[in-house]
C-alpha atoms as a PDB file:
ATOM      1  CA  MET A   1      12.194 -55.897 260.551  1.00  0.00           C
ATOM      2  CA  ASN A   2      12.594 -53.896 257.358  1.00  0.00           C
ATOM      3  CA  GLY A   3      15.334 -51.323 257.021  1.00  0.00           C
ATOM      4  CA  THR A   4      15.987 -48.604 254.494  1.00  0.00           C
ATOM      5  CA  ASN A   5      19.085 -47.945 252.494  1.00  0.00           C
ATOM      6  CA  ASP A   6      20.515 -44.664 251.162  1.00  0.00           C
ATOM      7  CA  SER A   7      18.041 -44.538 248.264  1.00  0.00           C
ATOM      8  CA  GLY A   8      15.092 -44.776 250.656  1.00  0.00           C
ATOM      9  CA  ALA A   9      14.077 -48.216 249.377  1.00  0.00           C
ATOM     10  CA  THR A  10      12.803 -50.676 251.913  1.00  0.00           C
ATOM     11  CA  THR A  11      15.087 -53.660 252.207  1.00  0.00           C
ATOM     12  CA  PRO A  12      13.584 -57.119 252.438  1.00  0.00           C
ATOM     13  CA  ARG A  13      13.023 -58.947 255.702  1.00  0.00           C
ATOM     14  CA  SER A  14      14.295 -62.432 256.195  1.00  0.00           C
ATOM     15  CA  GLY A  15      11.541 -64.945 256.817  1.00  0.00           C
ATOM     16  CA  ALA A  16       8.754 -62.620 255.655  1.00  0.00           C
ATOM     17  CA  ASP A  17       5.429 -64.114 254.624  1.00  0.00           C
ATOM     18  CA  ASP A  18       4.347 -64.650 251.005  1.00  0.00           C
ATOM     19  CA  SER A  19       2.324 -61.417 250.921  1.00  0.00           C
ATOM     20  CA  ASN A  20       5.570 -59.498 250.332  1.00  0.00           C
ATOM     21  CA  ARG A  21       6.608 -61.659 247.364  1.00  0.00           C
ATOM     22  CA  HIS A  22       5.979 -60.133 243.948  1.00  0.00           C
ATOM     23  CA  ILE A  23       6.578 -61.067 240.340  1.00  0.00           C
ATOM     24  CA  LEU A  24       7.922 -58.194 238.268  1.00  0.00           C
ATOM     25  CA  VAL A  25       7.682 -58.543 234.494  1.00  0.00           C
ATOM     26  CA  ALA A  26       9.721 -56.197 232.325  1.00  0.00           C
ATOM     27  CA  GLN A  27      10.228 -55.874 228.579  1.00  0.00           C
ATOM     28  CA  LEU A  28      13.770 -54.730 227.827  1.00  0.00           C
ATOM     29  CA  ARG A  29      15.704 -53.924 224.672  1.00  0.00           C
ATOM     30  CA  ASP A  30      17.972 -56.802 223.677  1.00  0.00           C
ATOM     31  CA  ARG A  31      21.292 -54.965 224.019  1.00  0.00           C
ATOM     32  CA  PRO A  32      24.592 -55.780 225.721  1.00  0.00           C
ATOM     33  CA  ASN A  33      24.551 -55.285 229.513  1.00  0.00           C
ATOM     34  CA  THR A  34      20.784 -54.725 229.752  1.00  0.00           C
ATOM     35  CA  LEU A  35      20.294 -57.681 232.087  1.00  0.00           C
ATOM     36  CA  GLU A  36      23.292 -56.652 234.204  1.00  0.00           C
ATOM     37  CA  ARG A  37      21.913 -53.123 234.672  1.00  0.00           C
ATOM     38  CA  ALA A  38      18.482 -54.415 235.686  1.00  0.00           C
ATOM     39  CA  VAL A  39      19.887 -56.978 238.139  1.00  0.00           C
ATOM     40  CA  GLY A  40      22.312 -54.351 239.441  1.00  0.00           C
ATOM     41  CA  LEU A  41      19.368 -52.193 240.477  1.00  0.00           C
ATOM     42  CA  PHE A  42      18.146 -54.982 242.775  1.00  0.00           C
ATOM     43  CA  ARG A  43      21.648 -55.586 244.137  1.00  0.00           C
ATOM     44  CA  GLN A  44      22.384 -51.904 244.795  1.00  0.00           C
ATOM     45  CA  ARG A  45      19.163 -51.533 246.768  1.00  0.00           C
ATOM     46  CA  GLY A  46      19.664 -54.686 248.806  1.00  0.00           C
ATOM     47  CA  TYR A  47      16.862 -56.815 247.341  1.00  0.00           C
ATOM     48  CA  ALA A  48      17.317 -60.567 247.089  1.00  0.00           C
ATOM     49  CA  ILE A  49      16.121 -62.106 243.833  1.00  0.00           C
ATOM     50  CA  GLU A  50      14.382 -65.398 244.527  1.00  0.00           C
ATOM     51  CA  ARG A  51      13.891 -66.356 240.871  1.00  0.00           C
ATOM     52  CA  LEU A  52      14.865 -64.821 237.560  1.00  0.00           C
ATOM     53  CA  SER A  53      13.790 -65.683 234.023  1.00  0.00           C
ATOM     54  CA  TRP A  54      15.334 -64.103 230.892  1.00  0.00           C
ATOM     55  CA  THR A  55      13.401 -65.110 227.757  1.00  0.00           C
ATOM     56  CA  PRO A  56      12.689 -63.767 224.250  1.00  0.00           C
ATOM     57  CA  GLY A  57      10.383 -60.760 224.327  1.00  0.00           C
ATOM     58  CA  ASP A  58       7.328 -59.729 222.335  1.00  0.00           C
ATOM     59  CA  THR A  59       9.456 -58.384 219.464  1.00  0.00           C
ATOM     60  CA  PRO A  60      12.671 -59.719 217.887  1.00  0.00           C
ATOM     61  CA  ASP A  61      14.756 -56.942 219.467  1.00  0.00           C
ATOM     62  CA  SER A  62      13.408 -57.299 223.021  1.00  0.00           C
ATOM     63  CA  ARG A  63      13.752 -59.666 225.978  1.00  0.00           C
ATOM     64  CA  LYS A  64      11.387 -60.435 228.845  1.00  0.00           C
ATOM     65  CA  LEU A  65      12.703 -60.350 232.398  1.00  0.00           C
ATOM     66  CA  GLU A  66      10.616 -61.979 235.128  1.00  0.00           C
ATOM     67  CA  VAL A  67      11.856 -61.574 238.679  1.00  0.00           C
ATOM     68  CA  VAL A  68      10.410 -62.836 241.950  1.00  0.00           C
ATOM     69  CA  VAL A  69      11.445 -60.489 244.732  1.00  0.00           C
ATOM     70  CA  GLU A  70      10.404 -59.896 248.323  1.00  0.00           C
ATOM     71  CA  THR A  71       9.406 -56.301 249.081  1.00  0.00           C
ATOM     72  CA  ASP A  72       6.612 -54.329 250.650  1.00  0.00           C
ATOM     73  CA  ARG A  73       7.271 -51.437 248.219  1.00  0.00           C
ATOM     74  CA  VAL A  74       6.670 -53.061 244.837  1.00  0.00           C
ATOM     75  CA  ASP A  75       5.384 -49.738 243.433  1.00  0.00           C
ATOM     76  CA  LEU A  76       8.726 -48.077 244.206  1.00  0.00           C
ATOM     77  CA  LEU A  77      10.678 -50.924 242.643  1.00  0.00           C
ATOM     78  CA  VAL A  78       8.575 -50.719 239.459  1.00  0.00           C
ATOM     79  CA  ARG A  79       9.249 -46.963 239.185  1.00  0.00           C
ATOM     80  CA  GLN A  80      12.980 -47.505 239.695  1.00  0.00           C
ATOM     81  CA  LEU A  81      13.082 -50.148 236.950  1.00  0.00           C
ATOM     82  CA  GLU A  82      11.132 -47.870 234.580  1.00  0.00           C
ATOM     83  CA  ARG A  83      13.925 -45.292 234.850  1.00  0.00           C
ATOM     84  CA  LEU A  84      16.524 -47.621 233.337  1.00  0.00           C
ATOM     85  CA  VAL A  85      17.403 -46.673 229.751  1.00  0.00           C
ATOM     86  CA  ASP A  86      16.655 -49.980 228.001  1.00  0.00           C
ATOM     87  CA  VAL A  87      13.455 -50.801 229.894  1.00  0.00           C
ATOM     88  CA  LEU A  88      10.433 -50.651 227.583  1.00  0.00           C
ATOM     89  CA  SER A  89       7.762 -51.558 230.164  1.00  0.00           C
ATOM     90  CA  VAL A  90       7.399 -52.956 233.693  1.00  0.00           C
ATOM     91  CA  HIS A  91       4.476 -54.244 235.700  1.00  0.00           C
ATOM     92  CA  ALA A  92       3.921 -56.196 238.882  1.00  0.00           C
ATOM     93  CA  ALA A  93       2.046 -59.425 238.266  1.00  0.00           C
ATOM     94  CA  VAL A  94       0.010 -61.389 240.780  1.00  0.00           C
ATOM     95  CA  PRO A  95       2.077 -61.872 243.963  1.00  0.00           C
ATOM     96  CA  ALA A  96       4.139 -65.061 243.890  1.00  0.00           C
ATOM     97  CA  ARG A  97       3.098 -67.944 246.115  1.00  0.00           C
END
């Protein structure tokens, strides 16, 4: 069963099916602590990261973050990531299998 935390985000269920798994792709500025702030958002809201990839971005001063996370509120998670200062763009890719 899903629960909610203080921010109103839905917390992941253990043993949920693959339909709740999503790949989030974000372009971030390549600055100190950018990755920590992004990952901290997941941690603070109780999401478990299944996979994380941190690679060079589309421009020399950016990095690409790909995260596989289990949630039924991917739209909310995208909006929360977009609010972070060094996030240039975020989108949810095809759900992970």
